[in-house]
Amino acid sequence: MKKFMSEFKKFALRGNLLDMAVGVVVGGAFTTIANSLVSDILMPLIGLLTGGIDFTSFSITLGLGENAAKIAYGNFLQNVIVFLITAFAVFLMVKAINKFQEAARREKDAQAAAAPKGPTTEQLLAEILAELKSR
């Protein structure tokens, strides 16, 4: 148990925890926007293309009377579309971030290559050794 608590403390006190918390909050807000996009814009357009069908009303009722179960698969379809839009947006965002990071890495490598080259560590050590031997 002590090892588990130690690992958790190490995780919780890392600097990335704040970044993760910000990501969760922004992700929640983004999900709200994606839900609105699907339910308020895309699904009515899809309904228009399919002759006014409202997907959220699609359901199957199993059983009779009080024990009947309503399976609202239309809501499920809408949530699948929300997921796909959210996943696609996150994919595009990660792809853009990776592209920027790659460009920054290339620029850093180019600057390092263009920087004047000094003696290597081995050369400096050899010079120090030669100086020490000459004394």
C-alpha atoms as a PDB file:
ATOM      1  CA  MET A   1       0.000   0.000   0.000  1.00  0.00           C
ATOM      2  CA  LYS A   2       2.895   2.355   0.771  1.00  0.00           C
ATOM      3  CA  LYS A   3       4.308   1.853  -2.712  1.00  0.00           C
ATOM      4  CA  PHE A   4       0.919   2.642  -4.243  1.00  0.00           C
ATOM      5  CA  MET A   5       0.583   5.840  -2.176  1.00  0.00           C
ATOM      6  CA  SER A   6       4.154   6.832  -3.034  1.00  0.00           C
ATOM      7  CA  GLU A   7       3.458   6.351  -6.758  1.00  0.00           C
ATOM      8  CA  PHE A   8       0.226   8.344  -6.471  1.00  0.00           C
ATOM      9  CA  LYS A   9       1.993  11.184  -4.634  1.00  0.00           C
ATOM     10  CA  LYS A  10       4.684  11.254  -7.323  1.00  0.00           C
ATOM     11  CA  PHE A  11       1.987  11.370 -10.013  1.00  0.00           C
ATOM     12  CA  ALA A  12      -0.148  13.991  -8.263  1.00  0.00           C
ATOM     13  CA  LEU A  13       2.733  16.356  -7.638  1.00  0.00           C
ATOM     14  CA  ARG A  14       4.099  16.308 -11.178  1.00  0.00           C
ATOM     15  CA  GLY A  15       3.786  19.451 -13.244  1.00  0.00           C
ATOM     16  CA  ASN A  16       1.731  17.602 -15.857  1.00  0.00           C
ATOM     17  CA  LEU A  17      -1.191  17.221 -13.461  1.00  0.00           C
ATOM     18  CA  LEU A  18      -2.194  20.860 -13.937  1.00  0.00           C
ATOM     19  CA  ASP A  19      -1.938  20.432 -17.711  1.00  0.00           C
ATOM     20  CA  MET A  20      -4.142  17.354 -17.470  1.00  0.00           C
ATOM     21  CA  ALA A  21      -6.727  19.209 -15.365  1.00  0.00           C
ATOM     22  CA  VAL A  22      -6.856  22.038 -17.900  1.00  0.00           C
ATOM     23  CA  GLY A  23      -7.264  19.444 -20.653  1.00  0.00           C
ATOM     24  CA  VAL A  24     -10.198  17.830 -18.858  1.00  0.00           C
ATOM     25  CA  VAL A  25     -11.962  21.184 -18.378  1.00  0.00           C
ATOM     26  CA  VAL A  26     -11.377  22.244 -21.989  1.00  0.00           C
ATOM     27  CA  GLY A  27     -12.403  18.775 -23.170  1.00  0.00           C
ATOM     28  CA  GLY A  28     -15.669  19.045 -21.260  1.00  0.00           C
ATOM     29  CA  ALA A  29     -16.395  22.416 -22.833  1.00  0.00           C
ATOM     30  CA  PHE A  30     -15.479  21.066 -26.252  1.00  0.00           C
ATOM     31  CA  THR A  31     -17.832  18.116 -25.766  1.00  0.00           C
ATOM     32  CA  THR A  32     -20.674  20.573 -25.100  1.00  0.00           C
ATOM     33  CA  ILE A  33     -19.878  22.351 -28.354  1.00  0.00           C
ATOM     34  CA  ALA A  34     -19.683  19.050 -30.246  1.00  0.00           C
ATOM     35  CA  ASN A  35     -23.031  17.951 -28.766  1.00  0.00           C
ATOM     36  CA  SER A  36     -24.615  21.204 -29.881  1.00  0.00           C
ATOM     37  CA  LEU A  37     -23.092  20.892 -33.354  1.00  0.00           C
ATOM     38  CA  VAL A  38     -24.515  17.410 -33.768  1.00  0.00           C
ATOM     39  CA  SER A  39     -27.950  17.914 -32.181  1.00  0.00           C
ATOM     40  CA  ASP A  40     -28.641  21.472 -33.394  1.00  0.00           C
ATOM     41  CA  ILE A  41     -26.969  21.531 -36.828  1.00  0.00           C
ATOM     42  CA  LEU A  42     -25.979  18.132 -38.218  1.00  0.00           C
ATOM     43  CA  MET A  43     -28.907  15.978 -37.109  1.00  0.00           C
ATOM     44  CA  PRO A  44     -31.539  18.405 -38.480  1.00  0.00           C
ATOM     45  CA  LEU A  45     -29.638  18.454 -41.792  1.00  0.00           C
ATOM     46  CA  ILE A  46     -29.457  14.655 -41.810  1.00  0.00           C
ATOM     47  CA  GLY A  47     -33.167  14.598 -40.946  1.00  0.00           C
ATOM     48  CA  LEU A  48     -33.846  16.943 -43.880  1.00  0.00           C
ATOM     49  CA  LEU A  49     -31.895  14.648 -46.201  1.00  0.00           C
ATOM     50  CA  THR A  50     -33.764  11.606 -44.915  1.00  0.00           C
ATOM     51  CA  GLY A  51     -37.235  13.153 -45.217  1.00  0.00           C
ATOM     52  CA  GLY A  52     -37.593  14.759 -41.788  1.00  0.00           C
ATOM     53  CA  ILE A  53     -36.636  11.733 -39.729  1.00  0.00           C
ATOM     54  CA  ASP A  54     -35.743  12.596 -36.134  1.00  0.00           C
ATOM     55  CA  PHE A  55     -33.057  10.144 -35.089  1.00  0.00           C
ATOM     56  CA  THR A  56     -33.443  10.910 -31.394  1.00  0.00           C
ATOM     57  CA  SER A  57     -36.954   9.472 -31.470  1.00  0.00           C
ATOM     58  CA  PHE A  58     -35.755   6.084 -32.782  1.00  0.00           C
ATOM     59  CA  SER A  59     -36.396   3.475 -30.132  1.00  0.00           C
ATOM     60  CA  ILE A  60     -37.548  -0.065 -29.615  1.00  0.00           C
ATOM     61  CA  THR A  61     -39.800  -1.097 -26.757  1.00  0.00           C
ATOM     62  CA  LEU A  62     -39.295  -4.601 -25.478  1.00  0.00           C
ATOM     63  CA  GLY A  63     -41.842  -6.257 -23.222  1.00  0.00           C
ATOM     64  CA  LEU A  64     -45.310  -5.200 -22.179  1.00  0.00           C
ATOM     65  CA  GLY A  65     -46.799  -3.132 -19.393  1.00  0.00           C
ATOM     66  CA  GLU A  66     -44.747  -2.041 -16.432  1.00  0.00           C
ATOM     67  CA  ASN A  67     -41.824  -4.304 -17.311  1.00  0.00           C
ATOM     68  CA  ALA A  68     -41.340  -2.812 -20.787  1.00  0.00           C
ATOM     69  CA  ALA A  69     -37.852  -1.569 -21.617  1.00  0.00           C
ATOM     70  CA  LYS A  70     -37.340   1.255 -24.075  1.00  0.00           C
ATOM     71  CA  ILE A  71     -34.073   1.071 -26.009  1.00  0.00           C
ATOM     72  CA  ALA A  72     -33.384   4.542 -27.431  1.00  0.00           C
ATOM     73  CA  TYR A  73     -30.926   3.642 -30.176  1.00  0.00           C
ATOM     74  CA  GLY A  74     -31.490   7.010 -31.888  1.00  0.00           C
ATOM     75  CA  ASN A  75     -29.787   8.744 -28.981  1.00  0.00           C
ATOM     76  CA  PHE A  76     -27.002   6.200 -29.252  1.00  0.00           C
ATOM     77  CA  LEU A  77     -26.536   7.023 -32.949  1.00  0.00           C
ATOM     78  CA  GLN A  78     -26.396  10.720 -32.107  1.00  0.00           C
ATOM     79  CA  ASN A  79     -23.783  10.085 -29.408  1.00  0.00           C
ATOM     80  CA  VAL A  80     -21.711   8.018 -31.840  1.00  0.00           C
ATOM     81  CA  ILE A  81     -21.721  10.980 -34.227  1.00  0.00           C
ATOM     82  CA  VAL A  82     -20.690  13.311 -31.369  1.00  0.00           C
ATOM     83  CA  PHE A  83     -17.854  10.931 -30.509  1.00  0.00           C
ATOM     84  CA  LEU A  84     -16.645  10.765 -34.103  1.00  0.00           C
ATOM     85  CA  ILE A  85     -16.667  14.560 -34.440  1.00  0.00           C
ATOM     86  CA  THR A  86     -14.844  14.974 -31.121  1.00  0.00           C
ATOM     87  CA  ALA A  87     -12.282  12.298 -31.993  1.00  0.00           C
ATOM     88  CA  PHE A  88     -11.697  13.866 -35.411  1.00  0.00           C
ATOM     89  CA  ALA A  89     -11.227  17.333 -33.881  1.00  0.00           C
ATOM     90  CA  VAL A  90      -8.770  15.975 -31.299  1.00  0.00           C
ATOM     91  CA  PHE A  91      -6.927  14.122 -34.077  1.00  0.00           C
ATOM     92  CA  LEU A  92      -6.590  17.345 -36.077  1.00  0.00           C
ATOM     93  CA  MET A  93      -5.449  19.250 -32.996  1.00  0.00           C
ATOM     94  CA  VAL A  94      -2.803  16.646 -32.083  1.00  0.00           C
ATOM     95  CA  LYS A  95      -1.650  16.492 -35.691  1.00  0.00           C
ATOM     96  CA  ALA A  96      -1.228  20.290 -35.765  1.00  0.00           C
ATOM     97  CA  ILE A  97       0.633  20.319 -32.446  1.00  0.00           C
ATOM     98  CA  ASN A  98       2.954  17.553 -33.659  1.00  0.00           C
ATOM     99  CA  LYS A  99       3.603  19.516 -36.852  1.00  0.00           C
ATOM    100  CA  PHE A 100       4.517  22.642 -34.858  1.00  0.00           C
ATOM    101  CA  GLN A 101       6.760  20.625 -32.527  1.00  0.00           C
ATOM    102  CA  GLU A 102       8.504  18.989 -35.490  1.00  0.00           C
ATOM    103  CA  ALA A 103       9.087  22.393 -37.105  1.00  0.00           C
ATOM    104  CA  ALA A 104      10.495  23.735 -33.824  1.00  0.00           C
ATOM    105  CA  ARG A 105      12.780  20.698 -33.517  1.00  0.00           C
ATOM    106  CA  ARG A 106      14.036  21.167 -37.083  1.00  0.00           C
ATOM    107  CA  GLU A 107      14.698  24.852 -36.423  1.00  0.00           C
ATOM    108  CA  LYS A 108      16.571  23.991 -33.230  1.00  0.00           C
ATOM    109  CA  ASP A 109      18.628  21.363 -35.086  1.00  0.00           C
ATOM    110  CA  ALA A 110      19.380  23.856 -37.876  1.00  0.00           C
ATOM    111  CA  GLN A 111      20.513  26.459 -35.342  1.00  0.00           C
ATOM    112  CA  ALA A 112      22.702  23.889 -33.609  1.00  0.00           C
ATOM    113  CA  ALA A 113      24.248  22.889 -36.936  1.00  0.00           C
ATOM    114  CA  ALA A 114      24.889  26.529 -37.879  1.00  0.00           C
ATOM    115  CA  ALA A 115      26.432  27.380 -34.500  1.00  0.00           C
ATOM    116  CA  PRO A 116      30.214  27.661 -34.488  1.00  0.00           C
ATOM    117  CA  LYS A 117      31.802  24.408 -33.461  1.00  0.00           C
ATOM    118  CA  GLY A 118      34.261  24.477 -30.631  1.00  0.00           C
ATOM    119  CA  PRO A 119      36.605  21.755 -29.536  1.00  0.00           C
ATOM    120  CA  THR A 120      35.070  18.488 -28.419  1.00  0.00           C
ATOM    121  CA  THR A 121      35.193  17.321 -24.833  1.00  0.00           C
ATOM    122  CA  GLU A 122      37.847  14.798 -25.760  1.00  0.00           C
ATOM    123  CA  GLN A 123      39.987  17.521 -27.358  1.00  0.00           C
ATOM    124  CA  LEU A 124      39.674  19.740 -24.291  1.00  0.00           C
ATOM    125  CA  LEU A 125      40.602  16.866 -21.997  1.00  0.00           C
ATOM    126  CA  ALA A 126      43.609  16.032 -24.183  1.00  0.00           C
ATOM    127  CA  GLU A 127      44.741  19.683 -24.003  1.00  0.00           C
ATOM    128  CA  ILE A 128      44.343  19.710 -20.214  1.00  0.00           C
ATOM    129  CA  LEU A 129      46.286  16.449 -19.934  1.00  0.00           C
ATOM    130  CA  ALA A 130      49.051  17.808 -22.171  1.00  0.00           C
ATOM    131  CA  GLU A 131      49.220  20.981 -20.070  1.00  0.00           C
ATOM    132  CA  LEU A 132      49.387  18.982 -16.856  1.00  0.00           C
ATOM    133  CA  LYS A 133      52.163  16.757 -18.277  1.00  0.00           C
ATOM    134  CA  SER A 134      54.194  19.798 -19.344  1.00  0.00           C
ATOM    135  CA  ARG A 135      54.265  21.145 -15.781  1.00  0.00           C
END
